[in-house]
Amino acid sequence: MTLKRLTFLTAAALGCAVALSACGTRERPSDASASAGDRGFLGGVFNRGAPRVDDGSEAGIGVNSLLWRASLEVLHFMPMAEVDPFGGVIITDWYAIPEAPSERFRATVYILDTRLRADALTVQLFKQVRGETGEWVEANIDPATQLQVENAILTRARQLRIQRIPG
């Protein structure tokens, strides 16, 4: 390899490293500390004076705090088996409805993003029914039920977001 080509490859690799280092995340500045250039499109021309709306992304946990809280509130009646706020996973233990003790349900919620978006949430529901010999057998669950639980969580998260809007 010639010296000229080696110099070019080294410079290209260094340039790539510098460019990639600029791709890191940075915290969003608060309104008080944001300069005009940091306030959005064209230096904040279109959002000057608009109240800042908290979207629920907090530094304390790894997922959207509004989705997290809404998930816990919607599933509050089920016993929790595993709760991981940094990974965004909530796994409930089996829960039997008192009116139907021969059926039991379990839920797993995945919060996949720090933003309040519908695609940042996935809910999986599992159902078992008591068999003839007393053992629990897997049963099909209506996909509409899963969608209803997701919608209940999203609706509650939106309500929590609206409560945070100043004024």
N, C-alpha and C. Protein backbone atom coordinates (compact mmCIF):
# COMPACT_ATOMS: atom_id res chain seq x y z
N MET A 1 0.85 -1.16 0.00
CA MET A 1 0.00 0.00 0.00
C MET A 1 0.90 1.23 0.00
N THR A 2 0.54 2.17 -0.80
CA THR A 2 1.37 3.37 -0.90
C THR A 2 1.08 4.29 0.26
N LEU A 3 2.02 5.17 0.52
CA LEU A 3 1.89 6.13 1.60
C LEU A 3 0.72 7.08 1.35
N LYS A 4 0.53 7.44 0.11
CA LYS A 4 -0.56 8.35 -0.25
C LYS A 4 -1.92 7.71 0.06
N ARG A 5 -2.07 6.45 -0.30
CA ARG A 5 -3.33 5.75 -0.06
C ARG A 5 -3.56 5.53 1.44
N LEU A 6 -2.51 5.19 2.17
CA LEU A 6 -2.61 5.00 3.61
C LEU A 6 -3.01 6.30 4.29
N THR A 7 -2.47 7.40 3.87
CA THR A 7 -2.83 8.71 4.43
C THR A 7 -4.29 9.02 4.15
N PHE A 8 -4.74 8.72 2.93
CA PHE A 8 -6.13 8.96 2.58
C PHE A 8 -7.07 8.12 3.44
N LEU A 9 -6.76 6.82 3.62
CA LEU A 9 -7.61 5.95 4.41
C LEU A 9 -7.65 6.38 5.87
N THR A 10 -6.51 6.81 6.40
CA THR A 10 -6.46 7.29 7.78
C THR A 10 -7.31 8.54 7.94
N ALA A 11 -7.20 9.46 6.99
CA ALA A 11 -8.00 10.69 7.04
C ALA A 11 -9.49 10.37 6.91
N ALA A 12 -9.84 9.42 6.05
CA ALA A 12 -11.24 9.04 5.87
C ALA A 12 -11.80 8.40 7.14
N ALA A 13 -11.01 7.54 7.77
CA ALA A 13 -11.45 6.90 9.01
C ALA A 13 -11.62 7.93 10.12
N LEU A 14 -10.71 8.87 10.22
CA LEU A 14 -10.81 9.93 11.22
C LEU A 14 -12.03 10.80 10.96
N GLY A 15 -12.29 11.10 9.69
CA GLY A 15 -13.47 11.90 9.34
C GLY A 15 -14.76 11.18 9.71
N CYS A 16 -14.80 9.88 9.46
CA CYS A 16 -15.98 9.10 9.82
C CYS A 16 -16.18 9.08 11.34
N ALA A 17 -15.09 8.93 12.08
CA ALA A 17 -15.18 8.91 13.54
C ALA A 17 -15.71 10.24 14.07
N VAL A 18 -15.25 11.34 13.52
CA VAL A 18 -15.72 12.65 13.95
C VAL A 18 -17.19 12.82 13.59
N ALA A 19 -17.57 12.40 12.40
CA ALA A 19 -18.97 12.53 11.97
C ALA A 19 -19.89 11.68 12.85
N LEU A 20 -19.47 10.47 13.18
CA LEU A 20 -20.29 9.60 14.01
C LEU A 20 -20.39 10.11 15.44
N SER A 21 -19.33 10.74 15.93
CA SER A 21 -19.39 11.26 17.30
C SER A 21 -20.40 12.40 17.41
N ALA A 22 -20.67 13.08 16.31
CA ALA A 22 -21.67 14.15 16.31
C ALA A 22 -23.08 13.60 16.31
N CYS A 23 -23.25 12.29 16.09
CA CYS A 23 -24.57 11.69 16.03
C CYS A 23 -25.09 11.29 17.40
N GLY A 24 -24.36 11.54 18.45
CA GLY A 24 -24.79 11.16 19.79
C GLY A 24 -26.03 11.91 20.22
N THR A 25 -26.67 11.41 21.28
CA THR A 25 -27.88 12.07 21.78
C THR A 25 -27.47 13.22 22.67
N ARG A 26 -28.37 14.17 22.71
CA ARG A 26 -28.16 15.27 23.64
C ARG A 26 -29.48 15.54 24.31
N GLU A 27 -29.41 16.05 25.54
CA GLU A 27 -30.64 16.33 26.25
C GLU A 27 -31.28 17.57 25.67
N ARG A 28 -32.60 17.57 25.66
CA ARG A 28 -33.35 18.71 25.18
C ARG A 28 -33.27 19.81 26.23
N PRO A 29 -32.89 21.02 25.84
CA PRO A 29 -32.80 22.09 26.82
C PRO A 29 -34.18 22.51 27.28
N SER A 30 -34.23 23.00 28.52
CA SER A 30 -35.51 23.50 29.00
C SER A 30 -35.80 24.84 28.35
N ASP A 31 -37.03 25.32 28.45
CA ASP A 31 -37.40 26.58 27.82
C ASP A 31 -36.57 27.73 28.36
N ALA A 32 -36.23 27.69 29.65
CA ALA A 32 -35.51 28.79 30.25
C ALA A 32 -34.08 28.88 29.71
N SER A 33 -33.49 27.75 29.41
CA SER A 33 -32.10 27.76 28.97
C SER A 33 -31.95 27.64 27.47
N ALA A 34 -33.03 27.48 26.74
CA ALA A 34 -32.94 27.29 25.29
C ALA A 34 -32.66 28.62 24.61
N SER A 35 -31.70 28.61 23.73
CA SER A 35 -31.44 29.79 22.94
C SER A 35 -32.40 29.81 21.77
N ALA A 36 -32.46 30.91 21.06
CA ALA A 36 -33.38 31.03 19.93
C ALA A 36 -33.12 29.96 18.89
N GLY A 37 -31.88 29.59 18.70
CA GLY A 37 -31.54 28.59 17.70
C GLY A 37 -31.91 27.18 18.11
N ASP A 38 -32.13 26.96 19.41
CA ASP A 38 -32.45 25.63 19.91
C ASP A 38 -33.95 25.39 20.04
N ARG A 39 -34.77 26.36 19.73
CA ARG A 39 -36.19 26.23 19.98
C ARG A 39 -36.98 25.66 18.83
N GLY A 40 -36.37 25.13 17.84
CA GLY A 40 -37.13 24.48 16.79
C GLY A 40 -36.87 25.09 15.44
N PHE A 41 -37.76 24.82 14.52
CA PHE A 41 -37.64 25.22 13.13
C PHE A 41 -37.48 26.73 13.01
N LEU A 42 -36.48 27.18 12.29
CA LEU A 42 -36.18 28.60 12.05
C LEU A 42 -36.03 29.37 13.35
N GLY A 43 -35.31 28.78 14.29
CA GLY A 43 -35.00 29.50 15.52
C GLY A 43 -36.21 29.75 16.39
N GLY A 44 -37.24 28.95 16.28
CA GLY A 44 -38.39 29.09 17.13
C GLY A 44 -39.41 30.09 16.62
N VAL A 45 -39.34 30.46 15.34
CA VAL A 45 -40.28 31.43 14.79
C VAL A 45 -41.71 30.95 14.98
N PHE A 46 -41.94 29.65 14.80
CA PHE A 46 -43.30 29.14 14.84
C PHE A 46 -43.74 28.67 16.21
N ASN A 47 -42.84 28.66 17.18
CA ASN A 47 -43.28 28.21 18.49
C ASN A 47 -42.91 29.19 19.60
N ARG A 48 -42.59 30.41 19.27
CA ARG A 48 -42.30 31.41 20.31
C ARG A 48 -43.56 31.67 21.10
N GLY A 49 -43.40 31.64 22.40
CA GLY A 49 -44.52 31.93 23.28
C GLY A 49 -45.44 30.74 23.51
N ALA A 50 -45.26 29.67 22.78
CA ALA A 50 -46.11 28.49 22.99
C ALA A 50 -45.65 27.77 24.24
N PRO A 51 -46.57 27.30 25.06
CA PRO A 51 -46.16 26.58 26.26
C PRO A 51 -45.49 25.27 25.90
N ARG A 52 -44.50 24.91 26.68
CA ARG A 52 -43.81 23.65 26.45
C ARG A 52 -44.68 22.53 26.99
N VAL A 53 -44.89 21.52 26.19
CA VAL A 53 -45.70 20.37 26.59
C VAL A 53 -44.76 19.23 26.89
N ASP A 54 -44.87 18.70 28.08
CA ASP A 54 -44.02 17.58 28.47
C ASP A 54 -44.55 16.32 27.82
N ASP A 55 -43.71 15.65 27.04
CA ASP A 55 -44.15 14.43 26.35
C ASP A 55 -43.90 13.18 27.19
N GLY A 56 -43.43 13.34 28.42
CA GLY A 56 -43.25 12.21 29.30
C GLY A 56 -41.89 11.55 29.24
N SER A 57 -40.98 12.10 28.43
CA SER A 57 -39.65 11.51 28.39
C SER A 57 -38.83 12.14 29.51
N GLU A 58 -38.39 11.31 30.42
CA GLU A 58 -37.64 11.78 31.57
C GLU A 58 -36.31 11.05 31.62
N ALA A 59 -35.35 11.69 32.26
CA ALA A 59 -34.02 11.10 32.35
C ALA A 59 -33.98 9.95 33.36
N GLY A 60 -34.95 9.87 34.28
CA GLY A 60 -34.92 8.88 35.34
C GLY A 60 -35.16 7.46 34.88
N ILE A 61 -36.03 7.26 33.90
CA ILE A 61 -36.31 5.91 33.43
C ILE A 61 -36.03 5.86 31.93
N GLY A 62 -35.91 4.68 31.39
CA GLY A 62 -35.52 4.52 30.00
C GLY A 62 -36.66 4.55 29.02
N VAL A 63 -37.89 4.79 29.48
CA VAL A 63 -39.05 4.76 28.60
C VAL A 63 -39.91 5.98 28.87
N ASN A 64 -40.97 6.15 28.10
CA ASN A 64 -41.89 7.26 28.28
C ASN A 64 -42.60 7.11 29.62
N SER A 65 -42.47 8.09 30.47
CA SER A 65 -43.03 7.98 31.82
C SER A 65 -44.56 7.99 31.81
N LEU A 66 -45.16 8.65 30.83
CA LEU A 66 -46.62 8.67 30.76
C LEU A 66 -47.17 7.30 30.37
N LEU A 67 -46.54 6.65 29.40
CA LEU A 67 -46.95 5.29 29.03
C LEU A 67 -46.70 4.33 30.18
N TRP A 68 -45.59 4.51 30.87
CA TRP A 68 -45.25 3.65 31.99
C TRP A 68 -46.31 3.75 33.09
N ARG A 69 -46.61 4.98 33.48
CA ARG A 69 -47.58 5.19 34.56
C ARG A 69 -48.97 4.72 34.13
N ALA A 70 -49.35 5.01 32.89
CA ALA A 70 -50.66 4.59 32.40
C ALA A 70 -50.78 3.07 32.38
N SER A 71 -49.72 2.38 31.99
CA SER A 71 -49.73 0.91 31.97
C SER A 71 -49.94 0.35 33.37
N LEU A 72 -49.23 0.92 34.33
CA LEU A 72 -49.40 0.45 35.71
C LEU A 72 -50.80 0.74 36.23
N GLU A 73 -51.36 1.89 35.86
CA GLU A 73 -52.71 2.23 36.32
C GLU A 73 -53.77 1.33 35.68
N VAL A 74 -53.64 1.05 34.40
CA VAL A 74 -54.64 0.22 33.72
C VAL A 74 -54.59 -1.22 34.23
N LEU A 75 -53.40 -1.72 34.52
CA LEU A 75 -53.25 -3.10 34.96
C LEU A 75 -53.13 -3.24 36.48
N HIS A 76 -53.55 -2.22 37.21
CA HIS A 76 -53.36 -2.20 38.66
C HIS A 76 -54.02 -3.37 39.40
N PHE A 77 -55.08 -3.94 38.84
CA PHE A 77 -55.81 -5.01 39.51
C PHE A 77 -55.12 -6.36 39.38
N MET A 78 -54.14 -6.46 38.50
CA MET A 78 -53.43 -7.72 38.31
C MET A 78 -52.15 -7.72 39.15
N PRO A 79 -51.80 -8.85 39.75
CA PRO A 79 -50.54 -8.89 40.51
C PRO A 79 -49.34 -8.78 39.56
N MET A 80 -48.37 -8.00 39.95
CA MET A 80 -47.18 -7.79 39.12
C MET A 80 -46.13 -8.86 39.41
N ALA A 81 -45.61 -9.46 38.35
CA ALA A 81 -44.57 -10.47 38.50
C ALA A 81 -43.19 -9.85 38.27
N GLU A 82 -43.08 -8.96 37.27
CA GLU A 82 -41.80 -8.32 36.96
C GLU A 82 -42.09 -6.92 36.44
N VAL A 83 -41.34 -5.95 36.97
CA VAL A 83 -41.50 -4.56 36.57
C VAL A 83 -40.11 -3.99 36.35
N ASP A 84 -39.82 -3.60 35.11
CA ASP A 84 -38.50 -3.09 34.75
C ASP A 84 -38.65 -1.73 34.07
N PRO A 85 -38.54 -0.61 34.83
CA PRO A 85 -38.73 0.71 34.22
C PRO A 85 -37.61 1.11 33.27
N PHE A 86 -36.45 0.53 33.41
CA PHE A 86 -35.34 0.89 32.52
C PHE A 86 -35.43 0.14 31.19
N GLY A 87 -35.92 -1.09 31.23
CA GLY A 87 -36.11 -1.85 30.01
C GLY A 87 -37.49 -1.68 29.41
N GLY A 88 -38.42 -1.10 30.17
CA GLY A 88 -39.76 -0.85 29.68
C GLY A 88 -40.63 -2.08 29.59
N VAL A 89 -40.49 -3.00 30.56
CA VAL A 89 -41.25 -4.24 30.53
C VAL A 89 -42.06 -4.38 31.83
N ILE A 90 -43.34 -4.69 31.65
CA ILE A 90 -44.21 -5.01 32.78
C ILE A 90 -44.81 -6.38 32.50
N ILE A 91 -44.61 -7.31 33.42
CA ILE A 91 -45.17 -8.65 33.29
C ILE A 91 -46.03 -8.90 34.52
N THR A 92 -47.29 -9.21 34.28
CA THR A 92 -48.17 -9.51 35.39
C THR A 92 -48.16 -11.01 35.67
N ASP A 93 -48.62 -11.34 36.85
CA ASP A 93 -48.83 -12.74 37.19
C ASP A 93 -50.24 -13.12 36.72
N TRP A 94 -50.58 -14.37 36.82
CA TRP A 94 -51.91 -14.82 36.39
C TRP A 94 -52.96 -14.21 37.29
N TYR A 95 -54.07 -13.83 36.67
CA TYR A 95 -55.19 -13.24 37.39
C TYR A 95 -56.48 -13.88 36.92
N ALA A 96 -57.28 -14.37 37.86
CA ALA A 96 -58.57 -14.97 37.54
C ALA A 96 -59.68 -14.01 37.96
N ILE A 97 -60.59 -13.76 37.06
CA ILE A 97 -61.73 -12.91 37.35
C ILE A 97 -62.62 -13.65 38.34
N PRO A 98 -63.06 -13.00 39.41
CA PRO A 98 -63.89 -13.70 40.41
C PRO A 98 -65.15 -14.33 39.82
N GLU A 99 -65.72 -13.70 38.78
CA GLU A 99 -66.94 -14.24 38.18
C GLU A 99 -66.66 -15.48 37.31
N ALA A 100 -65.41 -15.68 36.90
CA ALA A 100 -65.06 -16.82 36.05
C ALA A 100 -63.75 -17.44 36.56
N PRO A 101 -63.81 -18.17 37.66
CA PRO A 101 -62.58 -18.71 38.25
C PRO A 101 -61.91 -19.79 37.40
N SER A 102 -62.59 -20.30 36.37
CA SER A 102 -61.98 -21.32 35.52
C SER A 102 -61.17 -20.71 34.37
N GLU A 103 -61.07 -19.38 34.32
CA GLU A 103 -60.25 -18.68 33.32
C GLU A 103 -59.28 -17.77 34.06
N ARG A 104 -58.08 -17.66 33.51
CA ARG A 104 -57.13 -16.72 34.07
C ARG A 104 -56.34 -16.05 32.95
N PHE A 105 -55.86 -14.85 33.25
CA PHE A 105 -55.20 -14.03 32.25
C PHE A 105 -53.86 -13.52 32.79
N ARG A 106 -52.97 -13.25 31.85
CA ARG A 106 -51.65 -12.68 32.17
C ARG A 106 -51.35 -11.68 31.07
N ALA A 107 -50.66 -10.59 31.42
CA ALA A 107 -50.33 -9.55 30.44
C ALA A 107 -48.84 -9.24 30.48
N THR A 108 -48.31 -8.90 29.31
CA THR A 108 -46.95 -8.41 29.19
C THR A 108 -47.01 -7.13 28.38
N VAL A 109 -46.45 -6.06 28.93
CA VAL A 109 -46.44 -4.75 28.28
C VAL A 109 -45.00 -4.39 27.97
N TYR A 110 -44.77 -3.99 26.72
CA TYR A 110 -43.46 -3.51 26.30
C TYR A 110 -43.60 -2.05 25.90
N ILE A 111 -42.85 -1.17 26.53
CA ILE A 111 -42.79 0.22 26.13
C ILE A 111 -41.47 0.39 25.40
N LEU A 112 -41.56 0.77 24.13
CA LEU A 112 -40.43 0.67 23.22
C LEU A 112 -39.77 2.00 22.89
N ASP A 113 -40.26 3.10 23.43
CA ASP A 113 -39.73 4.41 23.03
C ASP A 113 -39.87 5.38 24.19
N THR A 114 -39.16 6.50 24.10
CA THR A 114 -39.28 7.53 25.11
C THR A 114 -40.34 8.56 24.73
N ARG A 115 -40.88 8.44 23.52
CA ARG A 115 -41.91 9.37 23.06
C ARG A 115 -43.29 8.77 23.26
N LEU A 116 -44.27 9.64 23.44
CA LEU A 116 -45.65 9.21 23.59
C LEU A 116 -46.24 9.00 22.20
N ARG A 117 -46.17 7.75 21.74
CA ARG A 117 -46.65 7.37 20.41
C ARG A 117 -47.34 6.02 20.52
N ALA A 118 -48.29 5.79 19.63
CA ALA A 118 -49.02 4.52 19.66
C ALA A 118 -48.10 3.34 19.37
N ASP A 119 -47.12 3.53 18.49
CA ASP A 119 -46.24 2.41 18.17
C ASP A 119 -45.13 2.21 19.20
N ALA A 120 -45.16 2.98 20.27
CA ALA A 120 -44.19 2.81 21.34
C ALA A 120 -44.68 1.82 22.40
N LEU A 121 -45.83 1.21 22.14
CA LEU A 121 -46.45 0.34 23.12
C LEU A 121 -46.88 -0.97 22.46
N THR A 122 -46.55 -2.08 23.10
CA THR A 122 -47.01 -3.38 22.66
C THR A 122 -47.53 -4.14 23.87
N VAL A 123 -48.72 -4.70 23.73
CA VAL A 123 -49.32 -5.48 24.80
C VAL A 123 -49.57 -6.89 24.29
N GLN A 124 -49.17 -7.86 25.09
CA GLN A 124 -49.46 -9.26 24.79
C GLN A 124 -50.30 -9.81 25.94
N LEU A 125 -51.39 -10.45 25.58
CA LEU A 125 -52.27 -11.06 26.58
C LEU A 125 -52.26 -12.57 26.41
N PHE A 126 -52.35 -13.26 27.52
CA PHE A 126 -52.35 -14.72 27.52
C PHE A 126 -53.54 -15.19 28.35
N LYS A 127 -54.15 -16.26 27.91
CA LYS A 127 -55.33 -16.80 28.58
C LYS A 127 -55.15 -18.29 28.78
N GLN A 128 -55.59 -18.77 29.92
CA GLN A 128 -55.64 -20.19 30.20
C GLN A 128 -57.01 -20.53 30.77
N VAL A 129 -57.47 -21.72 30.46
CA VAL A 129 -58.73 -22.22 31.02
C VAL A 129 -58.43 -23.54 31.74
N ARG A 130 -59.23 -23.80 32.75
CA ARG A 130 -59.04 -25.03 33.52
C ARG A 130 -59.61 -26.19 32.71
N GLY A 131 -58.76 -27.17 32.48
CA GLY A 131 -59.17 -28.36 31.74
C GLY A 131 -60.04 -29.28 32.58
N GLU A 132 -60.49 -30.36 31.96
CA GLU A 132 -61.38 -31.32 32.64
C GLU A 132 -60.70 -32.00 33.83
N THR A 133 -59.39 -32.17 33.74
CA THR A 133 -58.68 -32.82 34.84
C THR A 133 -58.12 -31.82 35.85
N GLY A 134 -58.41 -30.52 35.67
CA GLY A 134 -57.98 -29.52 36.63
C GLY A 134 -56.73 -28.76 36.27
N GLU A 135 -56.04 -29.18 35.20
CA GLU A 135 -54.81 -28.47 34.81
C GLU A 135 -55.18 -27.27 33.94
N TRP A 136 -54.28 -26.29 33.90
CA TRP A 136 -54.49 -25.09 33.09
C TRP A 136 -54.02 -25.35 31.67
N VAL A 137 -54.86 -24.99 30.70
CA VAL A 137 -54.58 -25.21 29.29
C VAL A 137 -54.62 -23.86 28.57
N GLU A 138 -53.64 -23.65 27.68
CA GLU A 138 -53.61 -22.41 26.90
C GLU A 138 -54.87 -22.29 26.06
N ALA A 139 -55.39 -21.07 25.95
CA ALA A 139 -56.60 -20.81 25.17
C ALA A 139 -56.37 -19.57 24.30
N ASN A 140 -57.12 -19.49 23.24
CA ASN A 140 -57.03 -18.33 22.36
C ASN A 140 -57.69 -17.13 23.01
N ILE A 141 -57.13 -15.98 22.73
CA ILE A 141 -57.70 -14.74 23.22
C ILE A 141 -58.06 -13.87 22.03
N ASP A 142 -59.16 -13.18 22.12
CA ASP A 142 -59.63 -12.33 21.03
C ASP A 142 -58.63 -11.18 20.81
N PRO A 143 -58.12 -11.01 19.58
CA PRO A 143 -57.18 -9.91 19.31
C PRO A 143 -57.77 -8.53 19.63
N ALA A 144 -59.09 -8.40 19.57
CA ALA A 144 -59.72 -7.13 19.92
C ALA A 144 -59.51 -6.79 21.39
N THR A 145 -59.42 -7.79 22.24
CA THR A 145 -59.18 -7.55 23.66
C THR A 145 -57.82 -6.93 23.87
N GLN A 146 -56.83 -7.45 23.18
CA GLN A 146 -55.48 -6.90 23.27
C GLN A 146 -55.47 -5.45 22.80
N LEU A 147 -56.16 -5.16 21.72
CA LEU A 147 -56.25 -3.80 21.20
C LEU A 147 -56.96 -2.88 22.18
N GLN A 148 -57.98 -3.38 22.87
CA GLN A 148 -58.69 -2.58 23.86
C GLN A 148 -57.78 -2.21 25.03
N VAL A 149 -56.94 -3.13 25.45
CA VAL A 149 -56.00 -2.84 26.54
C VAL A 149 -54.98 -1.79 26.09
N GLU A 150 -54.44 -1.94 24.89
CA GLU A 150 -53.51 -0.95 24.36
C GLU A 150 -54.17 0.42 24.28
N ASN A 151 -55.40 0.47 23.77
CA ASN A 151 -56.10 1.75 23.67
C ASN A 151 -56.39 2.36 25.03
N ALA A 152 -56.70 1.54 26.02
CA ALA A 152 -56.93 2.05 27.37
C ALA A 152 -55.67 2.67 27.94
N ILE A 153 -54.52 2.03 27.70
CA ILE A 153 -53.24 2.58 28.17
C ILE A 153 -52.92 3.88 27.45
N LEU A 154 -53.09 3.91 26.14
CA LEU A 154 -52.81 5.12 25.37
C LEU A 154 -53.74 6.27 25.77
N THR A 155 -55.00 5.97 25.99
CA THR A 155 -55.96 6.99 26.41
C THR A 155 -55.57 7.56 27.77
N ARG A 156 -55.20 6.69 28.69
CA ARG A 156 -54.79 7.17 30.03
C ARG A 156 -53.51 7.98 29.94
N ALA A 157 -52.57 7.58 29.09
CA ALA A 157 -51.32 8.34 28.93
C ALA A 157 -51.62 9.73 28.37
N ARG A 158 -52.54 9.82 27.42
CA ARG A 158 -52.92 11.13 26.87
C ARG A 158 -53.57 12.00 27.95
N GLN A 159 -54.41 11.40 28.79
CA GLN A 159 -55.02 12.14 29.89
C GLN A 159 -53.96 12.68 30.84
N LEU A 160 -52.98 11.86 31.16
CA LEU A 160 -51.89 12.30 32.04
C LEU A 160 -51.09 13.43 31.39
N ARG A 161 -50.89 13.35 30.10
CA ARG A 161 -50.16 14.41 29.38
C ARG A 161 -50.94 15.71 29.41
N ILE A 162 -52.25 15.64 29.21
CA ILE A 162 -53.09 16.85 29.23
C ILE A 162 -53.06 17.48 30.62
N GLN A 163 -53.02 16.66 31.66
CA GLN A 163 -52.95 17.19 33.03
C GLN A 163 -51.65 17.96 33.28
N ARG A 164 -50.59 17.63 32.55
CA ARG A 164 -49.30 18.30 32.72
C ARG A 164 -49.18 19.61 31.96
N ILE A 165 -50.11 19.89 31.04
CA ILE A 165 -50.03 21.12 30.26
C ILE A 165 -50.34 22.29 31.18
N PRO A 166 -49.43 23.27 31.22
CA PRO A 166 -49.67 24.41 32.08
C PRO A 166 -50.84 25.26 31.59
N GLY A 167 -51.56 25.83 32.55
CA GLY A 167 -52.62 26.78 32.19
C GLY A 167 -53.91 26.16 32.20
